[in-house]
Amino acid sequence: MSPLARVVDAAIVTYQRRLSPRKGYTCAHLVAHGGRSCSADVRDVVRRRGVVRGAVPTVLRFAACYRAATMLTQTGVRGVCCCGPIPIPFGS
């Protein structure tokens, strides 16, 4: 892994361990489709492909998470939000 990928990986791990359990909502993609959260998926992409080559898959995952959050919000599911940089309204 490149030094940049190590930094990004460490940031994701910190997010998963310290922030994610306290934020009060969960990954919309995980709720809607099962499988893994966006942070787990992006971490895997960065570890396998690096930061630069993993940028497109990461953006695609966050876009899918945004669509899942929109779908869930429209069906009345509360407590989900995309973990990416896309602002999504959510209920608590």
PDB file of N, CA and C in Angstrom:
ATOM      1  N   MET A   1       0.843  -1.179   0.000  1.00  0.00           N
ATOM      2  CA  MET A   1       0.000   0.000   0.000  1.00  0.00           C
ATOM      3  C   MET A   1       0.894   1.249   0.000  1.00  0.00           C
ATOM      4  N   SER A   2       0.475   2.239  -0.741  1.00  0.00           N
ATOM      5  CA  SER A   2       1.224   3.500  -0.795  1.00  0.00           C
ATOM      6  C   SER A   2       1.044   4.261   0.514  1.00  0.00           C
ATOM      7  N   PRO A   3       1.916   5.218   0.780  1.00  0.00           N
ATOM      8  CA  PRO A   3       1.754   6.027   1.999  1.00  0.00           C
ATOM      9  C   PRO A   3       0.397   6.746   2.056  1.00  0.00           C
ATOM     10  N   LEU A   4      -0.052   7.278   0.911  1.00  0.00           N
ATOM     11  CA  LEU A   4      -1.351   7.943   0.885  1.00  0.00           C
ATOM     12  C   LEU A   4      -2.481   6.956   1.193  1.00  0.00           C
ATOM     13  N   ALA A   5      -2.411   5.769   0.620  1.00  0.00           N
ATOM     14  CA  ALA A   5      -3.431   4.750   0.885  1.00  0.00           C
ATOM     15  C   ALA A   5      -3.439   4.362   2.366  1.00  0.00           C
ATOM     16  N   ARG A   6      -2.268   4.323   2.976  1.00  0.00           N
ATOM     17  CA  ARG A   6      -2.192   4.011   4.419  1.00  0.00           C
ATOM     18  C   ARG A   6      -2.865   5.097   5.244  1.00  0.00           C
ATOM     19  N   VAL A   7      -2.660   6.345   4.862  1.00  0.00           N
ATOM     20  CA  VAL A   7      -3.292   7.453   5.584  1.00  0.00           C
ATOM     21  C   VAL A   7      -4.819   7.379   5.440  1.00  0.00           C
ATOM     22  N   VAL A   8      -5.290   7.147   4.221  1.00  0.00           N
ATOM     23  CA  VAL A   8      -6.731   7.040   3.984  1.00  0.00           C
ATOM     24  C   VAL A   8      -7.299   5.841   4.733  1.00  0.00           C
ATOM     25  N   ASP A   9      -6.597   4.718   4.704  1.00  0.00           N
ATOM     26  CA  ASP A   9      -7.038   3.517   5.421  1.00  0.00           C
ATOM     27  C   ASP A   9      -7.141   3.802   6.921  1.00  0.00           C
ATOM     28  N   ALA A  10      -6.144   4.472   7.478  1.00  0.00           N
ATOM     29  CA  ALA A  10      -6.166   4.807   8.907  1.00  0.00           C
ATOM     30  C   ALA A  10      -7.323   5.752   9.234  1.00  0.00           C
ATOM     31  N   ALA A  11      -7.608   6.686   8.345  1.00  0.00           N
ATOM     32  CA  ALA A  11      -8.731   7.607   8.556  1.00  0.00           C
ATOM     33  C   ALA A  11     -10.065   6.855   8.539  1.00  0.00           C
ATOM     34  N   ILE A  12     -10.210   5.902   7.636  1.00  0.00           N
ATOM     35  CA  ILE A  12     -11.443   5.120   7.573  1.00  0.00           C
ATOM     36  C   ILE A  12     -11.599   4.276   8.837  1.00  0.00           C
ATOM     37  N   VAL A  13     -10.511   3.653   9.278  1.00  0.00           N
ATOM     38  CA  VAL A  13     -10.564   2.847  10.504  1.00  0.00           C
ATOM     39  C   VAL A  13     -10.956   3.721  11.698  1.00  0.00           C
ATOM     40  N   THR A  14     -10.372   4.911  11.788  1.00  0.00           N
ATOM     41  CA  THR A  14     -10.728   5.826  12.872  1.00  0.00           C
ATOM     42  C   THR A  14     -12.204   6.179  12.802  1.00  0.00           C
ATOM     43  N   TYR A  15     -12.697   6.488  11.612  1.00  0.00           N
ATOM     44  CA  TYR A  15     -14.120   6.772  11.426  1.00  0.00           C
ATOM     45  C   TYR A  15     -14.966   5.590  11.885  1.00  0.00           C
ATOM     46  N   GLN A  16     -14.612   4.377  11.453  1.00  0.00           N
ATOM     47  CA  GLN A  16     -15.400   3.195  11.784  1.00  0.00           C
ATOM     48  C   GLN A  16     -15.426   2.916  13.289  1.00  0.00           C
ATOM     49  N   ARG A  17     -14.312   3.137  13.954  1.00  0.00           N
ATOM     50  CA  ARG A  17     -14.220   2.804  15.381  1.00  0.00           C
ATOM     51  C   ARG A  17     -14.709   3.908  16.306  1.00  0.00           C
ATOM     52  N   ARG A  18     -14.475   5.157  15.924  1.00  0.00           N
ATOM     53  CA  ARG A  18     -14.752   6.250  16.854  1.00  0.00           C
ATOM     54  C   ARG A  18     -15.988   7.080  16.500  1.00  0.00           C
ATOM     55  N   LEU A  19     -16.214   7.340  15.232  1.00  0.00           N
ATOM     56  CA  LEU A  19     -17.338   8.192  14.840  1.00  0.00           C
ATOM     57  C   LEU A  19     -18.598   7.414  14.496  1.00  0.00           C
ATOM     58  N   SER A  20     -18.453   6.406  13.681  1.00  0.00           N
ATOM     59  CA  SER A  20     -19.619   5.672  13.195  1.00  0.00           C
ATOM     60  C   SER A  20     -20.525   5.146  14.309  1.00  0.00           C
ATOM     61  N   PRO A  21     -19.989   4.549  15.367  1.00  0.00           N
ATOM     62  CA  PRO A  21     -20.886   4.054  16.424  1.00  0.00           C
ATOM     63  C   PRO A  21     -21.644   5.157  17.157  1.00  0.00           C
ATOM     64  N   ARG A  22     -21.197   6.393  17.059  1.00  0.00           N
ATOM     65  CA  ARG A  22     -21.802   7.493  17.813  1.00  0.00           C
ATOM     66  C   ARG A  22     -22.700   8.403  16.980  1.00  0.00           C
ATOM     67  N   LYS A  23     -22.749   8.216  15.688  1.00  0.00           N
ATOM     68  CA  LYS A  23     -23.421   9.196  14.843  1.00  0.00           C
ATOM     69  C   LYS A  23     -24.938   9.085  14.822  1.00  0.00           C
ATOM     70  N   GLY A  24     -25.492   7.964  15.215  1.00  0.00           N
ATOM     71  CA  GLY A  24     -26.937   7.867  15.333  1.00  0.00           C
ATOM     72  C   GLY A  24     -27.679   7.444  14.082  1.00  0.00           C
ATOM     73  N   TYR A  25     -26.980   7.121  13.028  1.00  0.00           N
ATOM     74  CA  TYR A  25     -27.620   6.611  11.823  1.00  0.00           C
ATOM     75  C   TYR A  25     -26.680   5.613  11.172  1.00  0.00           C
ATOM     76  N   THR A  26     -27.180   4.884  10.196  1.00  0.00           N
ATOM     77  CA  THR A  26     -26.369   3.860   9.553  1.00  0.00           C
ATOM     78  C   THR A  26     -26.316   4.085   8.055  1.00  0.00           C
ATOM     79  N   CYS A  27     -25.426   3.392   7.407  1.00  0.00           N
ATOM     80  CA  CYS A  27     -25.237   3.496   5.964  1.00  0.00           C
ATOM     81  C   CYS A  27     -26.511   3.071   5.229  1.00  0.00           C
ATOM     82  N   ALA A  28     -27.018   3.954   4.395  1.00  0.00           N
ATOM     83  CA  ALA A  28     -28.247   3.666   3.660  1.00  0.00           C
ATOM     84  C   ALA A  28     -28.082   2.489   2.705  1.00  0.00           C
ATOM     85  N   HIS A  29     -26.930   2.388   2.078  1.00  0.00           N
ATOM     86  CA  HIS A  29     -26.686   1.283   1.143  1.00  0.00           C
ATOM     87  C   HIS A  29     -26.750  -0.050   1.873  1.00  0.00           C
ATOM     88  N   LEU A  30     -26.181  -0.109   3.060  1.00  0.00           N
ATOM     89  CA  LEU A  30     -26.219  -1.323   3.869  1.00  0.00           C
ATOM     90  C   LEU A  30     -27.650  -1.679   4.246  1.00  0.00           C
ATOM     91  N   VAL A  31     -28.437  -0.693   4.652  1.00  0.00           N
ATOM     92  CA  VAL A  31     -29.823  -0.937   5.045  1.00  0.00           C
ATOM     93  C   VAL A  31     -30.651  -1.398   3.847  1.00  0.00           C
ATOM     94  N   ALA A  32     -30.471  -0.748   2.709  1.00  0.00           N
ATOM     95  CA  ALA A  32     -31.299  -1.039   1.539  1.00  0.00           C
ATOM     96  C   ALA A  32     -30.909  -2.331   0.826  1.00  0.00           C
ATOM     97  N   HIS A  33     -29.616  -2.628   0.785  1.00  0.00           N
ATOM     98  CA  HIS A  33     -29.158  -3.734  -0.050  1.00  0.00           C
ATOM     99  C   HIS A  33     -28.435  -4.848   0.704  1.00  0.00           C
ATOM    100  N   GLY A  34     -28.172  -4.642   1.988  1.00  0.00           N
ATOM    101  CA  GLY A  34     -27.404  -5.630   2.745  1.00  0.00           C
ATOM    102  C   GLY A  34     -25.937  -5.539   2.368  1.00  0.00           C
ATOM    103  N   GLY A  35     -25.201  -6.526   2.730  1.00  0.00           N
ATOM    104  CA  GLY A  35     -23.782  -6.529   2.406  1.00  0.00           C
ATOM    105  C   GLY A  35     -22.985  -5.700   3.383  1.00  0.00           C
ATOM    106  N   ARG A  36     -22.094  -4.878   2.852  1.00  0.00           N
ATOM    107  CA  ARG A  36     -21.189  -4.099   3.688  1.00  0.00           C
ATOM    108  C   ARG A  36     -21.526  -2.622   3.649  1.00  0.00           C
ATOM    109  N   SER A  37     -21.078  -1.914   4.662  1.00  0.00           N
ATOM    110  CA  SER A  37     -21.268  -0.461   4.694  1.00  0.00           C
ATOM    111  C   SER A  37     -20.368   0.193   3.651  1.00  0.00           C
ATOM    112  N   CYS A  38     -20.642   1.444   3.364  1.00  0.00           N
ATOM    113  CA  CYS A  38     -19.803   2.174   2.405  1.00  0.00           C
ATOM    114  C   CYS A  38     -18.377   2.310   2.916  1.00  0.00           C
ATOM    115  N   SER A  39     -18.212   2.559   4.204  1.00  0.00           N
ATOM    116  CA  SER A  39     -16.854   2.721   4.713  1.00  0.00           C
ATOM    117  C   SER A  39     -16.063   1.426   4.581  1.00  0.00           C
ATOM    118  N   ALA A  40     -16.697   0.287   4.828  1.00  0.00           N
ATOM    119  CA  ALA A  40     -16.003  -0.997   4.663  1.00  0.00           C
ATOM    120  C   ALA A  40     -15.678  -1.250   3.195  1.00  0.00           C
ATOM    121  N   ASP A  41     -16.605  -0.918   2.317  1.00  0.00           N
ATOM    122  CA  ASP A  41     -16.384  -1.129   0.890  1.00  0.00           C
ATOM    123  C   ASP A  41     -15.282  -0.217   0.365  1.00  0.00           C
ATOM    124  N   VAL A  42     -15.322   1.044   0.736  1.00  0.00           N
ATOM    125  CA  VAL A  42     -14.305   1.992   0.272  1.00  0.00           C
ATOM    126  C   VAL A  42     -12.939   1.618   0.839  1.00  0.00           C
ATOM    127  N   ARG A  43     -12.907   1.186   2.080  1.00  0.00           N
ATOM    128  CA  ARG A  43     -11.628   0.758   2.655  1.00  0.00           C
ATOM    129  C   ARG A  43     -11.027  -0.381   1.841  1.00  0.00           C
ATOM    130  N   ASP A  44     -11.849  -1.327   1.459  1.00  0.00           N
ATOM    131  CA  ASP A  44     -11.373  -2.445   0.642  1.00  0.00           C
ATOM    132  C   ASP A  44     -10.873  -1.962  -0.716  1.00  0.00           C
ATOM    133  N   VAL A  45     -11.599  -1.058  -1.326  1.00  0.00           N
ATOM    134  CA  VAL A  45     -11.194  -0.515  -2.632  1.00  0.00           C
ATOM    135  C   VAL A  45      -9.840   0.188  -2.523  1.00  0.00           C
ATOM    136  N   VAL A  46      -9.673   1.014  -1.497  1.00  0.00           N
ATOM    137  CA  VAL A  46      -8.410   1.742  -1.313  1.00  0.00           C
ATOM    138  C   VAL A  46      -7.264   0.768  -1.066  1.00  0.00           C
ATOM    139  N   ARG A  47      -7.522  -0.251  -0.295  1.00  0.00           N
ATOM    140  CA  ARG A  47      -6.461  -1.230  -0.006  1.00  0.00           C
ATOM    141  C   ARG A  47      -6.059  -2.006  -1.264  1.00  0.00           C
ATOM    142  N   ARG A  48      -7.035  -2.320  -2.104  1.00  0.00           N
ATOM    143  CA  ARG A  48      -6.750  -3.105  -3.306  1.00  0.00           C
ATOM    144  C   ARG A  48      -6.220  -2.265  -4.460  1.00  0.00           C
ATOM    145  N   ARG A  49      -6.802  -1.066  -4.658  1.00  0.00           N
ATOM    146  CA  ARG A  49      -6.507  -0.290  -5.859  1.00  0.00           C
ATOM    147  C   ARG A  49      -5.721   0.982  -5.619  1.00  0.00           C
ATOM    148  N   GLY A  50      -5.642   1.422  -4.366  1.00  0.00           N
ATOM    149  CA  GLY A  50      -5.001   2.693  -4.071  1.00  0.00           C
ATOM    150  C   GLY A  50      -6.011   3.820  -4.109  1.00  0.00           C
ATOM    151  N   VAL A  51      -5.568   4.984  -3.711  1.00  0.00           N
ATOM    152  CA  VAL A  51      -6.470   6.129  -3.610  1.00  0.00           C
ATOM    153  C   VAL A  51      -6.880   6.643  -4.990  1.00  0.00           C
ATOM    154  N   VAL A  52      -5.937   6.817  -5.875  1.00  0.00           N
ATOM    155  CA  VAL A  52      -6.242   7.393  -7.195  1.00  0.00           C
ATOM    156  C   VAL A  52      -7.079   6.427  -8.024  1.00  0.00           C
ATOM    157  N   ARG A  53      -6.637   5.176  -8.139  1.00  0.00           N
ATOM    158  CA  ARG A  53      -7.388   4.202  -8.945  1.00  0.00           C
ATOM    159  C   ARG A  53      -8.710   3.797  -8.281  1.00  0.00           C
ATOM    160  N   GLY A  54      -8.833   4.055  -6.995  1.00  0.00           N
ATOM    161  CA  GLY A  54     -10.068   3.746  -6.285  1.00  0.00           C
ATOM    162  C   GLY A  54     -11.063   4.884  -6.254  1.00  0.00           C
ATOM    163  N   ALA A  55     -10.699   6.027  -6.835  1.00  0.00           N
ATOM    164  CA  ALA A  55     -11.576   7.202  -6.778  1.00  0.00           C
ATOM    165  C   ALA A  55     -12.908   6.969  -7.488  1.00  0.00           C
ATOM    166  N   VAL A  56     -12.876   6.418  -8.679  1.00  0.00           N
ATOM    167  CA  VAL A  56     -14.131   6.210  -9.432  1.00  0.00           C
ATOM    168  C   VAL A  56     -15.041   5.203  -8.726  1.00  0.00           C
ATOM    169  N   PRO A  57     -14.539   4.028  -8.302  1.00  0.00           N
ATOM    170  CA  PRO A  57     -15.421   3.116  -7.569  1.00  0.00           C
ATOM    171  C   PRO A  57     -15.982   3.733  -6.282  1.00  0.00           C
ATOM    172  N   THR A  58     -15.186   4.583  -5.631  1.00  0.00           N
ATOM    173  CA  THR A  58     -15.656   5.236  -4.408  1.00  0.00           C
ATOM    174  C   THR A  58     -16.801   6.195  -4.718  1.00  0.00           C
ATOM    175  N   VAL A  59     -16.651   6.997  -5.750  1.00  0.00           N
ATOM    176  CA  VAL A  59     -17.711   7.928  -6.139  1.00  0.00           C
ATOM    177  C   VAL A  59     -18.970   7.161  -6.542  1.00  0.00           C
ATOM    178  N   LEU A  60     -18.798   6.075  -7.274  1.00  0.00           N
ATOM    179  CA  LEU A  60     -19.959   5.265  -7.670  1.00  0.00           C
ATOM    180  C   LEU A  60     -20.667   4.672  -6.463  1.00  0.00           C
ATOM    181  N   ARG A  61     -19.901   4.233  -5.470  1.00  0.00           N
ATOM    182  CA  ARG A  61     -20.511   3.678  -4.254  1.00  0.00           C
ATOM    183  C   ARG A  61     -21.288   4.748  -3.504  1.00  0.00           C
ATOM    184  N   PHE A  62     -20.691   5.959  -3.360  1.00  0.00           N
ATOM    185  CA  PHE A  62     -21.401   7.024  -2.671  1.00  0.00           C
ATOM    186  C   PHE A  62     -22.660   7.440  -3.429  1.00  0.00           C
ATOM    187  N   ALA A  63     -22.612   7.406  -4.746  1.00  0.00           N
ATOM    188  CA  ALA A  63     -23.810   7.715  -5.538  1.00  0.00           C
ATOM    189  C   ALA A  63     -24.889   6.661  -5.309  1.00  0.00           C
ATOM    190  N   ALA A  64     -24.501   5.388  -5.242  1.00  0.00           N
ATOM    191  CA  ALA A  64     -25.453   4.317  -4.952  1.00  0.00           C
ATOM    192  C   ALA A  64     -26.028   4.467  -3.548  1.00  0.00           C
ATOM    193  N   CYS A  65     -25.197   4.900  -2.614  1.00  0.00           N
ATOM    194  CA  CYS A  65     -25.663   5.126  -1.248  1.00  0.00           C
ATOM    195  C   CYS A  65     -26.655   6.293  -1.206  1.00  0.00           C
ATOM    196  N   TYR A  66     -26.367   7.320  -1.967  1.00  0.00           N
ATOM    197  CA  TYR A  66     -27.285   8.459  -2.066  1.00  0.00           C
ATOM    198  C   TYR A  66     -28.647   8.007  -2.597  1.00  0.00           C
ATOM    199  N   ARG A  67     -28.628   7.195  -3.647  1.00  0.00           N
ATOM    200  CA  ARG A  67     -29.897   6.683  -4.201  1.00  0.00           C
ATOM    201  C   ARG A  67     -30.625   5.829  -3.173  1.00  0.00           C
ATOM    202  N   ALA A  68     -29.891   5.005  -2.436  1.00  0.00           N
ATOM    203  CA  ALA A  68     -30.508   4.164  -1.403  1.00  0.00           C
ATOM    204  C   ALA A  68     -31.111   5.032  -0.301  1.00  0.00           C
ATOM    205  N   ALA A  69     -30.402   6.077   0.117  1.00  0.00           N
ATOM    206  CA  ALA A  69     -30.933   6.970   1.154  1.00  0.00           C
ATOM    207  C   ALA A  69     -32.192   7.673   0.680  1.00  0.00           C
ATOM    208  N   THR A  70     -32.196   8.100  -0.574  1.00  0.00           N
ATOM    209  CA  THR A  70     -33.380   8.749  -1.137  1.00  0.00           C
ATOM    210  C   THR A  70     -34.559   7.790  -1.146  1.00  0.00           C
ATOM    211  N   MET A  71     -34.330   6.570  -1.597  1.00  0.00           N
ATOM    212  CA  MET A  71     -35.387   5.561  -1.634  1.00  0.00           C
ATOM    213  C   MET A  71     -35.913   5.273  -0.224  1.00  0.00           C
ATOM    214  N   LEU A  72     -35.018   5.091   0.726  1.00  0.00           N
ATOM    215  CA  LEU A  72     -35.436   4.772   2.089  1.00  0.00           C
ATOM    216  C   LEU A  72     -36.193   5.926   2.734  1.00  0.00           C
ATOM    217  N   THR A  73     -35.729   7.149   2.493  1.00  0.00           N
ATOM    218  CA  THR A  73     -36.409   8.314   3.047  1.00  0.00           C
ATOM    219  C   THR A  73     -37.823   8.423   2.493  1.00  0.00           C
ATOM    220  N   GLN A  74     -37.990   8.144   1.206  1.00  0.00           N
ATOM    221  CA  GLN A  74     -39.312   8.216   0.578  1.00  0.00           C
ATOM    222  C   GLN A  74     -40.257   7.149   1.113  1.00  0.00           C
ATOM    223  N   THR A  75     -39.706   6.043   1.587  1.00  0.00           N
ATOM    224  CA  THR A  75     -40.551   4.977   2.139  1.00  0.00           C
ATOM    225  C   THR A  75     -40.746   5.121   3.640  1.00  0.00           C
ATOM    226  N   GLY A  76     -40.195   6.200   4.215  1.00  0.00           N
ATOM    227  CA  GLY A  76     -40.415   6.476   5.623  1.00  0.00           C
ATOM    228  C   GLY A  76     -39.398   5.870   6.574  1.00  0.00           C
ATOM    229  N   VAL A  77     -38.361   5.259   6.058  1.00  0.00           N
ATOM    230  CA  VAL A  77     -37.327   4.698   6.924  1.00  0.00           C
ATOM    231  C   VAL A  77     -36.500   5.843   7.489  1.00  0.00           C
ATOM    232  N   ARG A  78     -36.301   5.837   8.775  1.00  0.00           N
ATOM    233  CA  ARG A  78     -35.524   6.888   9.436  1.00  0.00           C
ATOM    234  C   ARG A  78     -34.212   6.320   9.945  1.00  0.00           C
ATOM    235  N   GLY A  79     -33.244   7.209  10.137  1.00  0.00           N
ATOM    236  CA  GLY A  79     -31.979   6.809  10.731  1.00  0.00           C
ATOM    237  C   GLY A  79     -30.949   6.309   9.746  1.00  0.00           C
ATOM    238  N   VAL A  80     -31.071   6.706   8.475  1.00  0.00           N
ATOM    239  CA  VAL A  80     -30.065   6.325   7.489  1.00  0.00           C
ATOM    240  C   VAL A  80     -29.496   7.579   6.852  1.00  0.00           C
ATOM    241  N   CYS A  81     -28.258   7.487   6.436  1.00  0.00           N
ATOM    242  CA  CYS A  81     -27.595   8.604   5.769  1.00  0.00           C
ATOM    243  C   CYS A  81     -26.420   8.049   4.980  1.00  0.00           C
ATOM    244  N   CYS A  82     -26.083   8.711   3.918  1.00  0.00           N
ATOM    245  CA  CYS A  82     -24.915   8.332   3.164  1.00  0.00           C
ATOM    246  C   CYS A  82     -23.673   8.782   3.916  1.00  0.00           C
ATOM    247  N   CYS A  83     -22.650   7.965   3.937  1.00  0.00           N
ATOM    248  CA  CYS A  83     -21.424   8.332   4.655  1.00  0.00           C
ATOM    249  C   CYS A  83     -20.471   9.128   3.783  1.00  0.00           C
ATOM    250  N   GLY A  84     -20.865   9.421   2.582  1.00  0.00           N
ATOM    251  CA  GLY A  84     -19.998  10.168   1.683  1.00  0.00           C
ATOM    252  C   GLY A  84     -20.201  11.659   1.802  1.00  0.00           C
ATOM    253  N   PRO A  85     -19.601  12.422   0.922  1.00  0.00           N
ATOM    254  CA  PRO A  85     -19.663  13.872   1.002  1.00  0.00           C
ATOM    255  C   PRO A  85     -20.959  14.447   0.430  1.00  0.00           C
ATOM    256  N   ILE A  86     -21.924  13.603   0.115  1.00  0.00           N
ATOM    257  CA  ILE A  86     -23.192  14.069  -0.447  1.00  0.00           C
ATOM    258  C   ILE A  86     -24.142  14.353   0.704  1.00  0.00           C
ATOM    259  N   PRO A  87     -24.606  15.606   0.861  1.00  0.00           N
ATOM    260  CA  PRO A  87     -25.496  15.899   1.979  1.00  0.00           C
ATOM    261  C   PRO A  87     -26.867  15.266   1.777  1.00  0.00           C
ATOM    262  N   ILE A  88     -27.309  14.530   2.760  1.00  0.00           N
ATOM    263  CA  ILE A  88     -28.597  13.852   2.682  1.00  0.00           C
ATOM    264  C   ILE A  88     -29.371  14.146   3.961  1.00  0.00           C
ATOM    265  N   PRO A  89     -30.589  14.640   3.839  1.00  0.00           N
ATOM    266  CA  PRO A  89     -31.383  14.832   5.053  1.00  0.00           C
ATOM    267  C   PRO A  89     -31.765  13.474   5.632  1.00  0.00           C
ATOM    268  N   PHE A  90     -31.747  13.378   6.943  1.00  0.00           N
ATOM    269  CA  PHE A  90     -32.124  12.123   7.587  1.00  0.00           C
ATOM    270  C   PHE A  90     -32.852  12.438   8.874  1.00  0.00           C
ATOM    271  N   GLY A  91     -33.654  11.510   9.309  1.00  0.00           N
ATOM    272  CA  GLY A  91     -34.362  11.658  10.565  1.00  0.00           C
ATOM    273  C   GLY A  91     -33.636  10.969  11.679  1.00  0.00           C
ATOM    274  N   SER A  92     -33.813  11.477  12.877  1.00  0.00           N
ATOM    275  CA  SER A  92     -33.148  10.827  14.012  1.00  0.00           C
ATOM    276  C   SER A  92     -34.147  10.212  14.951  1.00  0.00           C
TER     277      SER A  92
END
